[in-house]
């Protein structure tokens, strides 16, 4: 959708709707940056707990894996923000 708007392939109505969505996405991008900061702390806490308890290790490893996937997804979210910013 971002590329479609950038290449002028959308109607005025589609572009207006997309730009409204882009504004909402920008809010999500800001919130996700803050969340990633907190998730990094959670990831470290899970790492410490996993090293301290054999019983909790499998659960904490699952938590670490899930948190890392969310953190890795931030790269894609940041790219959306960059593309939206380029549209102006």
PDB file of N, CA and C in Angstrom:
ATOM      1  N   UNK A   1       0.826  -1.180   0.000  1.00  0.00           N
ATOM      2  CA  UNK A   1       0.000   0.000   0.000  1.00  0.00           C
ATOM      3  C   UNK A   1       0.876   1.251   0.000  1.00  0.00           C
ATOM      4  N   UNK A   2       1.943   1.222   0.798  1.00  0.00           N
ATOM      5  CA  UNK A   2       2.826   2.393   0.866  1.00  0.00           C
ATOM      6  C   UNK A   2       3.440   2.650  -0.501  1.00  0.00           C
ATOM      7  N   UNK A   3       3.902   1.598  -1.140  1.00  0.00           N
ATOM      8  CA  UNK A   3       4.495   1.754  -2.479  1.00  0.00           C
ATOM      9  C   UNK A   3       3.453   2.229  -3.486  1.00  0.00           C
ATOM     10  N   UNK A   4       2.243   1.699  -3.389  1.00  0.00           N
ATOM     11  CA  UNK A   4       1.171   2.080  -4.304  1.00  0.00           C
ATOM     12  C   UNK A   4       0.901   3.582  -4.224  1.00  0.00           C
ATOM     13  N   UNK A   5       0.863   4.101  -3.010  1.00  0.00           N
ATOM     14  CA  UNK A   5       0.645   5.539  -2.827  1.00  0.00           C
ATOM     15  C   UNK A   5       1.838   6.307  -3.374  1.00  0.00           C
ATOM     16  N   UNK A   6       3.027   5.839  -3.062  1.00  0.00           N
ATOM     17  CA  UNK A   6       4.245   6.510  -3.511  1.00  0.00           C
ATOM     18  C   UNK A   6       4.386   6.557  -5.022  1.00  0.00           C
ATOM     19  N   UNK A   7       3.865   5.539  -5.685  1.00  0.00           N
ATOM     20  CA  UNK A   7       3.967   5.469  -7.146  1.00  0.00           C
ATOM     21  C   UNK A   7       2.757   6.092  -7.838  1.00  0.00           C
ATOM     22  N   UNK A   8       1.848   6.674  -7.059  1.00  0.00           N
ATOM     23  CA  UNK A   8       0.696   7.361  -7.631  1.00  0.00           C
ATOM     24  C   UNK A   8      -0.334   6.434  -8.244  1.00  0.00           C
ATOM     25  N   UNK A   9      -0.397   5.199  -7.790  1.00  0.00           N
ATOM     26  CA  UNK A   9      -1.316   4.220  -8.362  1.00  0.00           C
ATOM     27  C   UNK A   9      -2.654   4.158  -7.641  1.00  0.00           C
ATOM     28  N   UNK A  10      -2.868   5.018  -6.672  1.00  0.00           N
ATOM     29  CA  UNK A  10      -4.109   4.986  -5.885  1.00  0.00           C
ATOM     30  C   UNK A  10      -4.997   6.163  -6.271  1.00  0.00           C
ATOM     31  N   UNK A  11      -6.295   5.953  -6.095  1.00  0.00           N
ATOM     32  CA  UNK A  11      -7.232   7.054  -6.291  1.00  0.00           C
ATOM     33  C   UNK A  11      -7.067   8.028  -5.121  1.00  0.00           C
ATOM     34  N   UNK A  12      -7.642   9.198  -5.254  1.00  0.00           N
ATOM     35  CA  UNK A  12      -7.570  10.179  -4.169  1.00  0.00           C
ATOM     36  C   UNK A  12      -8.220   9.638  -2.900  1.00  0.00           C
ATOM     37  N   UNK A  13      -9.326   8.945  -3.062  1.00  0.00           N
ATOM     38  CA  UNK A  13     -10.020   8.376  -1.908  1.00  0.00           C
ATOM     39  C   UNK A  13      -9.160   7.305  -1.237  1.00  0.00           C
ATOM     40  N   UNK A  14      -8.529   6.437  -2.026  1.00  0.00           N
ATOM     41  CA  UNK A  14      -7.653   5.408  -1.469  1.00  0.00           C
ATOM     42  C   UNK A  14      -6.460   6.033  -0.757  1.00  0.00           C
ATOM     43  N   UNK A  15      -5.917   7.080  -1.372  1.00  0.00           N
ATOM     44  CA  UNK A  15      -4.774   7.745  -0.748  1.00  0.00           C
ATOM     45  C   UNK A  15      -5.159   8.396   0.574  1.00  0.00           C
ATOM     46  N   UNK A  16      -6.318   9.027   0.608  1.00  0.00           N
ATOM     47  CA  UNK A  16      -6.773   9.662   1.858  1.00  0.00           C
ATOM     48  C   UNK A  16      -6.957   8.612   2.954  1.00  0.00           C
ATOM     49  N   UNK A  17      -7.566   7.495   2.605  1.00  0.00           N
ATOM     50  CA  UNK A  17      -7.749   6.423   3.589  1.00  0.00           C
ATOM     51  C   UNK A  17      -6.413   5.854   4.036  1.00  0.00           C
ATOM     52  N   UNK A  18      -5.514   5.667   3.086  1.00  0.00           N
ATOM     53  CA  UNK A  18      -4.194   5.122   3.410  1.00  0.00           C
ATOM     54  C   UNK A  18      -3.429   6.064   4.319  1.00  0.00           C
ATOM     55  N   UNK A  19      -3.492   7.350   4.047  1.00  0.00           N
ATOM     56  CA  UNK A  19      -2.763   8.304   4.887  1.00  0.00           C
ATOM     57  C   UNK A  19      -3.312   8.340   6.312  1.00  0.00           C
ATOM     58  N   UNK A  20      -4.613   8.135   6.441  1.00  0.00           N
ATOM     59  CA  UNK A  20      -5.193   8.036   7.790  1.00  0.00           C
ATOM     60  C   UNK A  20      -4.628   6.793   8.494  1.00  0.00           C
ATOM     61  N   UNK A  21      -4.580   5.684   7.777  1.00  0.00           N
ATOM     62  CA  UNK A  21      -4.004   4.455   8.323  1.00  0.00           C
ATOM     63  C   UNK A  21      -2.523   4.661   8.667  1.00  0.00           C
ATOM     64  N   UNK A  22      -1.802   5.384   7.816  1.00  0.00           N
ATOM     65  CA  UNK A  22      -0.383   5.639   8.066  1.00  0.00           C
ATOM     66  C   UNK A  22      -0.188   6.408   9.370  1.00  0.00           C
ATOM     67  N   UNK A  23      -1.087   7.344   9.652  1.00  0.00           N
ATOM     68  CA  UNK A  23      -1.019   8.084  10.907  1.00  0.00           C
ATOM     69  C   UNK A  23      -1.169   7.156  12.104  1.00  0.00           C
ATOM     70  N   UNK A  24      -2.086   6.206  11.980  1.00  0.00           N
ATOM     71  CA  UNK A  24      -2.274   5.223  13.045  1.00  0.00           C
ATOM     72  C   UNK A  24      -1.054   4.312  13.167  1.00  0.00           C
ATOM     73  N   UNK A  25      -0.489   3.938  12.032  1.00  0.00           N
ATOM     74  CA  UNK A  25       0.724   3.120  12.050  1.00  0.00           C
ATOM     75  C   UNK A  25       1.876   3.841  12.734  1.00  0.00           C
ATOM     76  N   UNK A  26       1.998   5.141  12.494  1.00  0.00           N
ATOM     77  CA  UNK A  26       3.067   5.909  13.133  1.00  0.00           C
ATOM     78  C   UNK A  26       2.914   5.860  14.656  1.00  0.00           C
ATOM     79  N   UNK A  27       1.686   5.901  15.139  1.00  0.00           N
ATOM     80  CA  UNK A  27       1.449   5.769  16.570  1.00  0.00           C
ATOM     81  C   UNK A  27       1.855   4.396  17.075  1.00  0.00           C
ATOM     82  N   UNK A  28       1.540   3.353  16.297  1.00  0.00           N
ATOM     83  CA  UNK A  28       1.936   2.002  16.669  1.00  0.00           C
ATOM     84  C   UNK A  28       3.459   1.858  16.671  1.00  0.00           C
ATOM     85  N   UNK A  29       4.115   2.495  15.718  1.00  0.00           N
ATOM     86  CA  UNK A  29       5.574   2.424  15.634  1.00  0.00           C
ATOM     87  C   UNK A  29       6.200   3.031  16.886  1.00  0.00           C
ATOM     88  N   UNK A  30       5.690   4.169  17.306  1.00  0.00           N
ATOM     89  CA  UNK A  30       6.194   4.810  18.525  1.00  0.00           C
ATOM     90  C   UNK A  30       5.980   3.906  19.732  1.00  0.00           C
ATOM     91  N   UNK A  31       4.789   3.338  19.843  1.00  0.00           N
ATOM     92  CA  UNK A  31       4.491   2.449  20.972  1.00  0.00           C
ATOM     93  C   UNK A  31       5.359   1.197  20.939  1.00  0.00           C
ATOM     94  N   UNK A  32       5.602   0.670  19.760  1.00  0.00           N
ATOM     95  CA  UNK A  32       6.401  -0.557  19.675  1.00  0.00           C
ATOM     96  C   UNK A  32       7.856  -0.305  20.043  1.00  0.00           C
ATOM     97  N   UNK A  33       8.358   0.891  19.746  1.00  0.00           N
ATOM     98  CA  UNK A  33       9.729   1.222  20.169  1.00  0.00           C
ATOM     99  C   UNK A  33       9.840   1.167  21.691  1.00  0.00           C
ATOM    100  N   UNK A  34       8.853   1.721  22.358  1.00  0.00           N
ATOM    101  CA  UNK A  34       8.843   1.706  23.819  1.00  0.00           C
ATOM    102  C   UNK A  34       8.688   0.279  24.343  1.00  0.00           C
ATOM    103  N   UNK A  35       7.848  -0.505  23.697  1.00  0.00           N
ATOM    104  CA  UNK A  35       7.626  -1.885  24.127  1.00  0.00           C
ATOM    105  C   UNK A  35       8.888  -2.720  23.974  1.00  0.00           C
ATOM    106  N   UNK A  36       9.616  -2.519  22.888  1.00  0.00           N
ATOM    107  CA  UNK A  36      10.840  -3.294  22.658  1.00  0.00           C
ATOM    108  C   UNK A  36      11.842  -3.032  23.766  1.00  0.00           C
ATOM    109  N   UNK A  37      11.923  -1.811  24.218  1.00  0.00           N
ATOM    110  CA  UNK A  37      12.818  -1.487  25.318  1.00  0.00           C
ATOM    111  C   UNK A  37      12.465  -2.316  26.551  1.00  0.00           C
ATOM    112  N   UNK A  38      11.184  -2.405  26.858  1.00  0.00           N
ATOM    113  CA  UNK A  38      10.729  -3.200  28.006  1.00  0.00           C
ATOM    114  C   UNK A  38      10.929  -4.696  27.766  1.00  0.00           C
ATOM    115  N   UNK A  39      10.716  -5.131  26.540  1.00  0.00           N
ATOM    116  CA  UNK A  39      10.876  -6.549  26.221  1.00  0.00           C
ATOM    117  C   UNK A  39      12.324  -6.994  26.341  1.00  0.00           C
ATOM    118  N   UNK A  40      13.239  -6.109  26.032  1.00  0.00           N
ATOM    119  CA  UNK A  40      14.651  -6.460  26.179  1.00  0.00           C
ATOM    120  C   UNK A  40      14.966  -6.759  27.650  1.00  0.00           C
ATOM    121  N   UNK A  41      14.376  -5.988  28.554  1.00  0.00           N
ATOM    122  CA  UNK A  41      14.535  -6.252  29.979  1.00  0.00           C
ATOM    123  C   UNK A  41      13.900  -7.574  30.386  1.00  0.00           C
ATOM    124  N   UNK A  42      12.728  -7.857  29.839  1.00  0.00           N
ATOM    125  CA  UNK A  42      12.057  -9.130  30.107  1.00  0.00           C
ATOM    126  C   UNK A  42      12.914 -10.290  29.611  1.00  0.00           C
ATOM    127  N   UNK A  43      13.503 -10.124  28.448  1.00  0.00           N
ATOM    128  CA  UNK A  43      14.354 -11.159  27.878  1.00  0.00           C
ATOM    129  C   UNK A  43      15.536 -11.463  28.800  1.00  0.00           C
ATOM    130  N   UNK A  44      16.147 -10.427  29.329  1.00  0.00           N
ATOM    131  CA  UNK A  44      17.270 -10.611  30.252  1.00  0.00           C
ATOM    132  C   UNK A  44      16.819 -11.293  31.539  1.00  0.00           C
ATOM    133  N   UNK A  45      15.663 -10.894  32.048  1.00  0.00           N
ATOM    134  CA  UNK A  45      15.126 -11.522  33.255  1.00  0.00           C
ATOM    135  C   UNK A  45      14.844 -13.005  33.047  1.00  0.00           C
ATOM    136  N   UNK A  46      14.291 -13.350  31.891  1.00  0.00           N
ATOM    137  CA  UNK A  46      14.023 -14.754  31.579  1.00  0.00           C
ATOM    138  C   UNK A  46      15.327 -15.539  31.483  1.00  0.00           C
ATOM    139  N   UNK A  47      16.344 -14.896  30.946  1.00  0.00           N
ATOM    140  CA  UNK A  47      17.659 -15.540  30.826  1.00  0.00           C
ATOM    141  C   UNK A  47      18.226 -15.866  32.215  1.00  0.00           C
ATOM    142  N   UNK A  48      18.116 -14.913  33.114  1.00  0.00           N
ATOM    143  CA  UNK A  48      18.606 -15.117  34.478  1.00  0.00           C
ATOM    144  C   UNK A  48      17.821 -16.229  35.164  1.00  0.00           C
ATOM    145  N   UNK A  49      16.505 -16.219  35.029  1.00  0.00           N
ATOM    146  CA  UNK A  49      15.670 -17.245  35.657  1.00  0.00           C
ATOM    147  C   UNK A  49      15.975 -18.625  35.081  1.00  0.00           C
ATOM    148  N   UNK A  50      16.205 -18.689  33.772  1.00  0.00           N
ATOM    149  CA  UNK A  50      16.510 -19.968  33.135  1.00  0.00           C
ATOM    150  C   UNK A  50      17.823 -20.532  33.646  1.00  0.00           C
ATOM    151  N   UNK A  51      18.771 -19.662  33.899  1.00  0.00           N
ATOM    152  CA  UNK A  51      20.065 -20.144  34.382  1.00  0.00           C
ATOM    153  C   UNK A  51      20.011 -20.552  35.849  1.00  0.00           C
ATOM    154  N   UNK A  52      19.011 -20.075  36.575  1.00  0.00           N
ATOM    155  CA  UNK A  52      18.933 -20.354  38.001  1.00  0.00           C
ATOM    156  C   UNK A  52      18.022 -21.508  38.381  1.00  0.00           C
ATOM    157  N   UNK A  53      17.201 -21.958  37.461  1.00  0.00           N
ATOM    158  CA  UNK A  53      16.239 -23.002  37.812  1.00  0.00           C
ATOM    159  C   UNK A  53      16.069 -23.985  36.657  1.00  0.00           C
ATOM    160  N   UNK A  54      16.412 -25.219  36.918  1.00  0.00           N
ATOM    161  CA  UNK A  54      16.263 -26.254  35.891  1.00  0.00           C
ATOM    162  C   UNK A  54      14.783 -26.451  35.536  1.00  0.00           C
ATOM    163  N   UNK A  55      13.909 -26.361  36.529  1.00  0.00           N
ATOM    164  CA  UNK A  55      12.477 -26.563  36.303  1.00  0.00           C
ATOM    165  C   UNK A  55      11.881 -25.456  35.422  1.00  0.00           C
ATOM    166  N   UNK A  56      12.375 -24.231  35.588  1.00  0.00           N
ATOM    167  CA  UNK A  56      11.849 -23.099  34.806  1.00  0.00           C
ATOM    168  C   UNK A  56      12.519 -22.935  33.451  1.00  0.00           C
ATOM    169  N   UNK A  57      13.635 -23.593  33.249  1.00  0.00           N
ATOM    170  CA  UNK A  57      14.419 -23.394  32.024  1.00  0.00           C
ATOM    171  C   UNK A  57      13.613 -23.558  30.739  1.00  0.00           C
ATOM    172  N   UNK A  58      12.834 -24.645  30.560  1.00  0.00           N
ATOM    173  CA  UNK A  58      12.081 -24.774  29.300  1.00  0.00           C
ATOM    174  C   UNK A  58      11.089 -23.631  29.084  1.00  0.00           C
ATOM    175  N   UNK A  59      10.391 -23.252  30.144  1.00  0.00           N
ATOM    176  CA  UNK A  59       9.426 -22.158  30.041  1.00  0.00           C
ATOM    177  C   UNK A  59      10.133 -20.840  29.724  1.00  0.00           C
ATOM    178  N   UNK A  60      11.214 -20.563  30.408  1.00  0.00           N
ATOM    179  CA  UNK A  60      11.944 -19.312  30.188  1.00  0.00           C
ATOM    180  C   UNK A  60      12.587 -19.283  28.805  1.00  0.00           C
ATOM    181  N   UNK A  61      13.011 -20.441  28.312  1.00  0.00           N
ATOM    182  CA  UNK A  61      13.544 -20.491  26.948  1.00  0.00           C
ATOM    183  C   UNK A  61      12.446 -20.163  25.933  1.00  0.00           C
ATOM    184  N   UNK A  62      11.226 -20.637  26.191  1.00  0.00           N
ATOM    185  CA  UNK A  62      10.094 -20.305  25.319  1.00  0.00           C
ATOM    186  C   UNK A  62       9.794 -18.810  25.372  1.00  0.00           C
ATOM    187  N   UNK A  63       9.835 -18.246  26.569  1.00  0.00           N
ATOM    188  CA  UNK A  63       9.607 -16.809  26.725  1.00  0.00           C
ATOM    189  C   UNK A  63      10.674 -16.034  25.953  1.00  0.00           C
ATOM    190  N   UNK A  64      11.936 -16.433  26.115  1.00  0.00           N
ATOM    191  CA  UNK A  64      13.019 -15.745  25.413  1.00  0.00           C
ATOM    192  C   UNK A  64      12.837 -15.814  23.902  1.00  0.00           C
ATOM    193  N   UNK A  65      12.460 -16.969  23.396  1.00  0.00           N
ATOM    194  CA  UNK A  65      12.258 -17.135  21.955  1.00  0.00           C
ATOM    195  C   UNK A  65      11.138 -16.227  21.457  1.00  0.00           C
ATOM    196  N   UNK A  66      10.019 -16.212  22.170  1.00  0.00           N
ATOM    197  CA  UNK A  66       8.880 -15.378  21.771  1.00  0.00           C
ATOM    198  C   UNK A  66       9.238 -13.896  21.819  1.00  0.00           C
ATOM    199  N   UNK A  67       9.900 -13.481  22.883  1.00  0.00           N
ATOM    200  CA  UNK A  67      10.285 -12.078  23.025  1.00  0.00           C
ATOM    201  C   UNK A  67      11.255 -11.686  21.920  1.00  0.00           C
ATOM    202  N   UNK A  68      12.196 -12.566  21.600  1.00  0.00           N
ATOM    203  CA  UNK A  68      13.166 -12.258  20.554  1.00  0.00           C
ATOM    204  C   UNK A  68      12.486 -12.102  19.195  1.00  0.00           C
ATOM    205  N   UNK A  69      11.465 -12.894  18.939  1.00  0.00           N
ATOM    206  CA  UNK A  69      10.732 -12.771  17.680  1.00  0.00           C
ATOM    207  C   UNK A  69      10.034 -11.420  17.574  1.00  0.00           C
ATOM    208  N   UNK A  70       9.472 -10.955  18.682  1.00  0.00           N
ATOM    209  CA  UNK A  70       8.842  -9.635  18.688  1.00  0.00           C
ATOM    210  C   UNK A  70       9.898  -8.555  18.449  1.00  0.00           C
ATOM    211  N   UNK A  71      11.023  -8.673  19.127  1.00  0.00           N
ATOM    212  CA  UNK A  71      12.109  -7.695  18.952  1.00  0.00           C
ATOM    213  C   UNK A  71      12.586  -7.695  17.507  1.00  0.00           C
ATOM    214  N   UNK A  72      12.738  -8.879  16.921  1.00  0.00           N
ATOM    215  CA  UNK A  72      13.174  -8.973  15.527  1.00  0.00           C
ATOM    216  C   UNK A  72      12.150  -8.348  14.575  1.00  0.00           C
ATOM    217  N   UNK A  73      10.862  -8.456  14.907  1.00  0.00           N
ATOM    218  CA  UNK A  73       9.817  -7.862  14.083  1.00  0.00           C
ATOM    219  C   UNK A  73       9.868  -6.338  14.068  1.00  0.00           C
ATOM    220  N   UNK A  74      10.527  -5.758  15.043  1.00  0.00           N
ATOM    221  CA  UNK A  74      10.645  -4.306  15.118  1.00  0.00           C
ATOM    222  C   UNK A  74      11.367  -3.753  13.881  1.00  0.00           C
ATOM    223  N   UNK A  75      12.266  -4.523  13.324  1.00  0.00           N
ATOM    224  CA  UNK A  75      12.982  -4.095  12.120  1.00  0.00           C
ATOM    225  C   UNK A  75      11.998  -3.809  10.984  1.00  0.00           C
ATOM    226  N   UNK A  76      11.035  -4.692  10.794  1.00  0.00           N
ATOM    227  CA  UNK A  76      10.033  -4.504   9.739  1.00  0.00           C
ATOM    228  C   UNK A  76       9.157  -3.299  10.052  1.00  0.00           C
ATOM    229  N   UNK A  77       8.772  -3.156  11.298  1.00  0.00           N
ATOM    230  CA  UNK A  77       7.936  -2.027  11.695  1.00  0.00           C
ATOM    231  C   UNK A  77       8.670  -0.711  11.460  1.00  0.00           C
ATOM    232  N   UNK A  78       9.951  -0.670  11.790  1.00  0.00           N
ATOM    233  CA  UNK A  78      10.752   0.543  11.552  1.00  0.00           C
ATOM    234  C   UNK A  78      10.848   0.851  10.058  1.00  0.00           C
ATOM    235  N   UNK A  79      10.925  -0.177   9.242  1.00  0.00           N
ATOM    236  CA  UNK A  79      10.983   0.025   7.783  1.00  0.00           C
ATOM    237  C   UNK A  79       9.682   0.639   7.280  1.00  0.00           C
ATOM    238  N   UNK A  80       8.550   0.193   7.820  1.00  0.00           N
ATOM    239  CA  UNK A  80       7.273   0.813   7.443  1.00  0.00           C
ATOM    240  C   UNK A  80       7.316   2.304   7.763  1.00  0.00           C
ATOM    241  N   UNK A  81       7.811   2.637   8.937  1.00  0.00           N
ATOM    242  CA  UNK A  81       7.892   4.040   9.337  1.00  0.00           C
ATOM    243  C   UNK A  81       8.769   4.846   8.401  1.00  0.00           C
ATOM    244  N   UNK A  82       9.897   4.266   8.010  1.00  0.00           N
ATOM    245  CA  UNK A  82      10.800   4.953   7.085  1.00  0.00           C
ATOM    246  C   UNK A  82      10.113   5.200   5.750  1.00  0.00           C
ATOM    247  N   UNK A  83       9.407   4.198   5.261  1.00  0.00           N
ATOM    248  CA  UNK A  83       8.717   4.339   3.968  1.00  0.00           C
ATOM    249  C   UNK A  83       7.602   5.382   4.052  1.00  0.00           C
ATOM    250  N   UNK A  84       6.881   5.404   5.156  1.00  0.00           N
ATOM    251  CA  UNK A  84       5.815   6.395   5.328  1.00  0.00           C
ATOM    252  C   UNK A  84       6.417   7.791   5.386  1.00  0.00           C
ATOM    253  N   UNK A  85       7.523   7.931   6.111  1.00  0.00           N
ATOM    254  CA  UNK A  85       8.195   9.233   6.198  1.00  0.00           C
ATOM    255  C   UNK A  85       8.648   9.722   4.822  1.00  0.00           C
ATOM    256  N   UNK A  86       9.087   8.826   3.972  1.00  0.00           N
ATOM    257  CA  UNK A  86       9.541   9.207   2.633  1.00  0.00           C
ATOM    258  C   UNK A  86       8.395   9.740   1.770  1.00  0.00           C
ATOM    259  N   UNK A  87       7.162   9.294   2.060  1.00  0.00           N
ATOM    260  CA  UNK A  87       6.010   9.792   1.303  1.00  0.00           C
ATOM    261  C   UNK A  87       5.736  11.263   1.587  1.00  0.00           C
ATOM    262  N   UNK A  88       6.065  11.663   2.808  1.00  0.00           N
ATOM    263  CA  UNK A  88       5.838  13.059   3.197  1.00  0.00           C
ATOM    264  C   UNK A  88       4.473  13.355   3.700  1.00  0.00           C
TER     265      UNK A  88
END
